[in-house]
Amino acid sequence: MSYPVWLAIVFALPVLVTAWIVFVSRRWGTGNLIRDYGLSFRWIDLLGIPAAFAAIWFIQPVVVYLALLMFGDPGGLDSNVFVTPEPAIWVPNLILSVIAAPFIEEVVFRGMLQPSLKRWFDGPDPDQIRSFRATNAAVLITAATFAALHLPQSLAGVNGVALTAATLFAGIVLGALAMATRRTAPSIVVHAASNLVANATAYGLVA
């Protein structure tokens, strides 16, 4: 694949998905992206964002380690960040992973899928216990779907067990944050910050 074609695909896919997000908002929502997907911030985010980020970066490695002990280590790359010295490649990858992917993935998973599952599990007249179970089910199913869609990266040599454990745990944390705040803006920030640190770590900028 030539570089111009690769670059066109890298940026065309996020644009197409973003256009679909806007279409969904206008067709079935209010037409206001901020209102429909919770793209706003409140003071509570000063607690939620750092707590979620800390959980991902301090607890996630323990979860990955336990998963490798339980299911075995299939080998492969420790990170799904593709390291290259070529700015023509790492700059688009950085934009995609730190800006495009966090926005799109959080809106689609935590802004669309998760609330839809929550409403479906709630039913027409949920009580407190049913609502609690519906919340947990929605977060877990969304996180599992989020992890499953990252699995094709294992075909490129990424450690599949570590990748699944990491993305599943991150999905649960991000889903819980979105449920707690009832918005996706905080989870977008945490997702973007996590991906930024992952890139910095892969390139040796962070120990």
Protein backbone atom coordinates (compact mmCIF):
# COMPACT_ATOMS: atom_id res chain seq x y z
CA MET A 1 0.00 0.00 0.00
CA SER A 2 1.43 3.37 -1.00
CA TYR A 3 1.82 6.13 1.57
CA PRO A 4 -0.82 8.47 0.02
CA VAL A 5 -3.39 5.66 0.04
CA TRP A 6 -2.55 4.73 3.65
CA LEU A 7 -2.78 8.36 4.73
CA ALA A 8 -6.11 8.81 2.96
CA ILE A 9 -7.54 5.73 4.71
CA VAL A 10 -6.19 6.82 8.11
CA PHE A 11 -8.04 10.11 7.93
CA ALA A 12 -11.06 9.07 5.83
CA LEU A 13 -12.34 6.49 8.32
CA PRO A 14 -12.56 8.90 11.31
CA VAL A 15 -14.25 11.49 9.09
CA LEU A 16 -16.84 8.96 7.92
CA VAL A 17 -17.57 7.73 11.45
CA THR A 18 -17.82 11.31 12.72
CA ALA A 19 -20.27 12.09 9.92
CA TRP A 20 -22.33 9.08 11.03
CA ILE A 21 -22.26 10.32 14.64
CA VAL A 22 -23.58 13.70 13.49
CA PHE A 23 -26.25 12.00 11.36
CA VAL A 24 -27.46 9.90 14.30
CA SER A 25 -27.69 13.01 16.47
CA ARG A 26 -29.75 14.85 13.87
CA ARG A 27 -31.93 11.88 12.92
CA TRP A 28 -32.71 10.41 16.34
CA GLY A 29 -31.40 12.98 18.82
CA THR A 30 -31.77 16.69 19.31
CA GLY A 31 -29.17 17.62 16.72
CA ASN A 32 -26.98 19.06 19.46
CA LEU A 33 -23.84 16.93 19.84
CA ILE A 34 -23.02 18.38 23.25
CA ARG A 35 -26.44 17.51 24.63
CA ASP A 36 -26.87 14.17 22.86
CA TYR A 37 -23.46 12.75 23.74
CA GLY A 38 -22.65 14.63 26.93
CA LEU A 39 -19.72 16.59 25.54
CA SER A 40 -19.48 18.98 28.48
CA PHE A 41 -17.68 19.21 31.81
CA ARG A 42 -18.67 19.81 35.42
CA TRP A 43 -16.76 20.31 38.67
CA ILE A 44 -17.16 16.63 39.59
CA ASP A 45 -14.84 15.81 36.67
CA LEU A 46 -11.95 17.20 38.72
CA LEU A 47 -12.34 14.05 40.81
CA GLY A 48 -13.52 11.56 38.23
CA ILE A 49 -10.95 12.18 35.50
CA PRO A 50 -7.78 11.76 37.61
CA ALA A 51 -9.32 8.80 39.50
CA ALA A 52 -10.12 6.97 36.25
CA PHE A 53 -6.73 7.79 34.74
CA ALA A 54 -4.97 6.52 37.87
CA ALA A 55 -7.00 3.30 37.80
CA ILE A 56 -6.00 2.63 34.20
CA TRP A 57 -2.31 3.31 34.73
CA PHE A 58 -1.80 1.77 38.14
CA ILE A 59 -4.33 -1.07 38.32
CA GLN A 60 -4.44 -2.10 34.66
CA PRO A 61 -0.86 -3.52 34.69
CA VAL A 62 -1.85 -5.75 37.62
CA VAL A 63 -4.91 -6.96 35.70
CA VAL A 64 -2.76 -7.72 32.65
CA TYR A 65 -0.22 -9.59 34.79
CA LEU A 66 -2.95 -11.73 36.37
CA ALA A 67 -4.47 -12.45 32.95
CA LEU A 68 -1.11 -13.66 31.66
CA LEU A 69 -0.76 -15.93 34.70
CA MET A 70 -4.23 -17.35 34.22
CA PHE A 71 -4.33 -17.80 30.45
CA GLY A 72 -0.65 -18.09 29.60
CA ASP A 73 1.60 -15.76 27.69
CA PRO A 74 1.21 -16.23 23.92
CA GLY A 75 4.10 -13.86 23.29
CA GLY A 76 4.06 -10.91 20.96
CA LEU A 77 4.44 -7.18 21.26
CA ASP A 78 3.86 -5.59 24.66
CA SER A 79 2.22 -2.50 23.15
CA ASN A 80 -0.16 -1.84 20.27
CA VAL A 81 1.65 1.42 19.51
CA PHE A 82 3.53 1.11 16.23
CA VAL A 83 6.96 2.68 16.79
CA THR A 84 8.68 4.30 13.83
CA PRO A 85 11.21 7.13 13.44
CA GLU A 86 9.39 8.46 10.37
CA PRO A 87 7.39 11.63 11.19
CA ALA A 88 5.23 11.02 8.13
CA ILE A 89 3.91 7.90 9.89
CA TRP A 90 4.06 8.58 13.63
CA VAL A 91 2.46 12.04 13.38
CA PRO A 92 -0.75 10.72 11.70
CA ASN A 93 -0.74 7.76 14.11
CA LEU A 94 -0.45 10.15 17.05
CA ILE A 95 -3.32 12.30 15.78
CA LEU A 96 -5.44 9.21 15.24
CA SER A 97 -4.73 7.62 18.63
CA VAL A 98 -4.81 10.75 20.81
CA ILE A 99 -7.52 12.83 19.12
CA ALA A 100 -9.67 10.88 16.65
CA ALA A 101 -9.88 7.48 18.34
CA PRO A 102 -10.75 8.72 21.87
CA PHE A 103 -13.52 10.96 20.55
CA ILE A 104 -15.02 8.41 18.16
CA GLU A 105 -14.70 5.38 20.42
CA GLU A 106 -16.10 7.12 23.47
CA VAL A 107 -19.05 8.61 21.63
CA VAL A 108 -19.88 5.32 19.90
CA PHE A 109 -19.31 3.01 22.88
CA ARG A 110 -19.98 5.12 25.96
CA GLY A 111 -22.24 7.71 24.31
CA MET A 112 -24.38 5.44 22.10
CA LEU A 113 -24.08 1.73 22.85
CA GLN A 114 -23.82 1.84 26.64
CA PRO A 115 -26.83 4.13 27.28
CA SER A 116 -28.90 2.12 24.79
CA LEU A 117 -28.08 -1.12 26.60
CA LYS A 118 -28.84 0.53 29.93
CA ARG A 119 -32.30 1.61 28.73
CA TRP A 120 -32.98 -1.83 27.26
CA PHE A 121 -32.00 -3.67 30.44
CA ASP A 122 -33.93 -1.18 32.58
CA GLY A 123 -37.20 -1.97 30.87
CA PRO A 124 -40.31 0.19 31.12
CA ASP A 125 -40.47 0.47 34.92
CA PRO A 126 -37.09 -0.23 36.59
CA ASP A 127 -36.65 -0.33 40.32
CA GLN A 128 -33.39 0.44 42.13
CA ILE A 129 -32.07 -3.13 42.02
CA ARG A 130 -32.96 -3.61 38.36
CA SER A 131 -31.37 -0.28 37.46
CA PHE A 132 -28.18 -1.25 39.31
CA ARG A 133 -27.99 -4.55 37.45
CA ALA A 134 -28.78 -2.84 34.15
CA THR A 135 -25.93 -0.38 34.70
CA ASN A 136 -23.43 -3.14 35.43
CA ALA A 137 -24.58 -5.21 32.46
CA ALA A 138 -24.39 -2.24 30.11
CA VAL A 139 -20.87 -1.33 31.25
CA LEU A 140 -19.59 -4.92 31.01
CA ILE A 141 -21.13 -5.67 27.60
CA THR A 142 -19.89 -2.38 26.18
CA ALA A 143 -16.40 -2.98 27.59
CA ALA A 144 -16.35 -6.52 26.16
CA THR A 145 -17.39 -5.20 22.73
CA PHE A 146 -14.75 -2.48 22.98
CA ALA A 147 -12.09 -5.10 23.79
CA ALA A 148 -13.25 -7.46 21.03
CA LEU A 149 -12.93 -4.77 18.37
CA HIS A 150 -9.30 -4.26 19.37
CA LEU A 151 -8.45 -7.95 18.97
CA PRO A 152 -7.53 -7.70 15.25
CA GLN A 153 -4.40 -5.89 16.45
CA SER A 154 -3.19 -9.26 17.73
CA LEU A 155 -2.89 -10.30 14.07
CA ALA A 156 -0.20 -7.65 13.77
CA GLY A 157 1.80 -9.32 16.54
CA VAL A 158 0.39 -7.69 19.66
CA ASN A 159 0.10 -9.97 22.70
CA GLY A 160 -3.55 -11.03 22.53
CA VAL A 161 -4.04 -11.87 26.22
CA ALA A 162 -2.46 -8.62 27.39
CA LEU A 163 -4.38 -6.62 24.79
CA THR A 164 -7.73 -8.14 25.77
CA ALA A 165 -7.15 -7.70 29.50
CA ALA A 166 -5.96 -4.11 29.09
CA THR A 167 -8.77 -2.97 26.78
CA LEU A 168 -11.44 -4.79 28.79
CA PHE A 169 -10.31 -3.18 32.04
CA ALA A 170 -9.98 0.24 30.41
CA GLY A 171 -13.45 -0.18 28.93
CA ILE A 172 -14.91 -0.93 32.36
CA VAL A 173 -13.21 2.10 33.91
CA LEU A 174 -14.29 4.42 31.08
CA GLY A 175 -17.80 3.00 31.14
CA ALA A 176 -18.10 3.47 34.89
CA LEU A 177 -16.86 7.05 34.53
CA ALA A 178 -19.41 7.78 31.81
CA MET A 179 -22.19 6.27 33.91
CA ALA A 180 -21.14 8.19 37.02
CA THR A 181 -20.96 11.54 35.23
CA ARG A 182 -23.72 10.78 32.69
CA ARG A 183 -21.50 12.30 30.01
CA THR A 184 -18.76 11.18 27.65
CA ALA A 185 -16.50 14.23 27.80
CA PRO A 186 -14.65 12.98 30.92
CA SER A 187 -14.08 9.53 29.41
CA ILE A 188 -12.80 11.15 26.21
CA VAL A 189 -10.21 13.08 28.21
CA VAL A 190 -9.09 9.97 30.13
CA HIS A 191 -8.96 7.91 26.93
CA ALA A 192 -6.91 10.57 25.14
CA ALA A 193 -4.53 11.01 28.08
CA SER A 194 -4.04 7.24 28.37
CA ASN A 195 -3.26 6.90 24.67
CA LEU A 196 -0.86 9.85 24.84
CA VAL A 197 1.06 8.28 27.73
CA ALA A 198 1.05 4.92 25.90
CA ASN A 199 2.63 6.56 22.87
CA ALA A 200 5.16 8.42 25.02
CA THR A 201 6.06 5.16 26.79
CA ALA A 202 6.45 3.22 23.53
CA TYR A 203 8.82 5.89 22.23
CA GLY A 204 10.84 5.90 25.42
CA LEU A 205 9.77 9.36 26.54
CA VAL A 206 8.19 8.01 29.72
CA ALA A 207 9.71 5.24 31.82
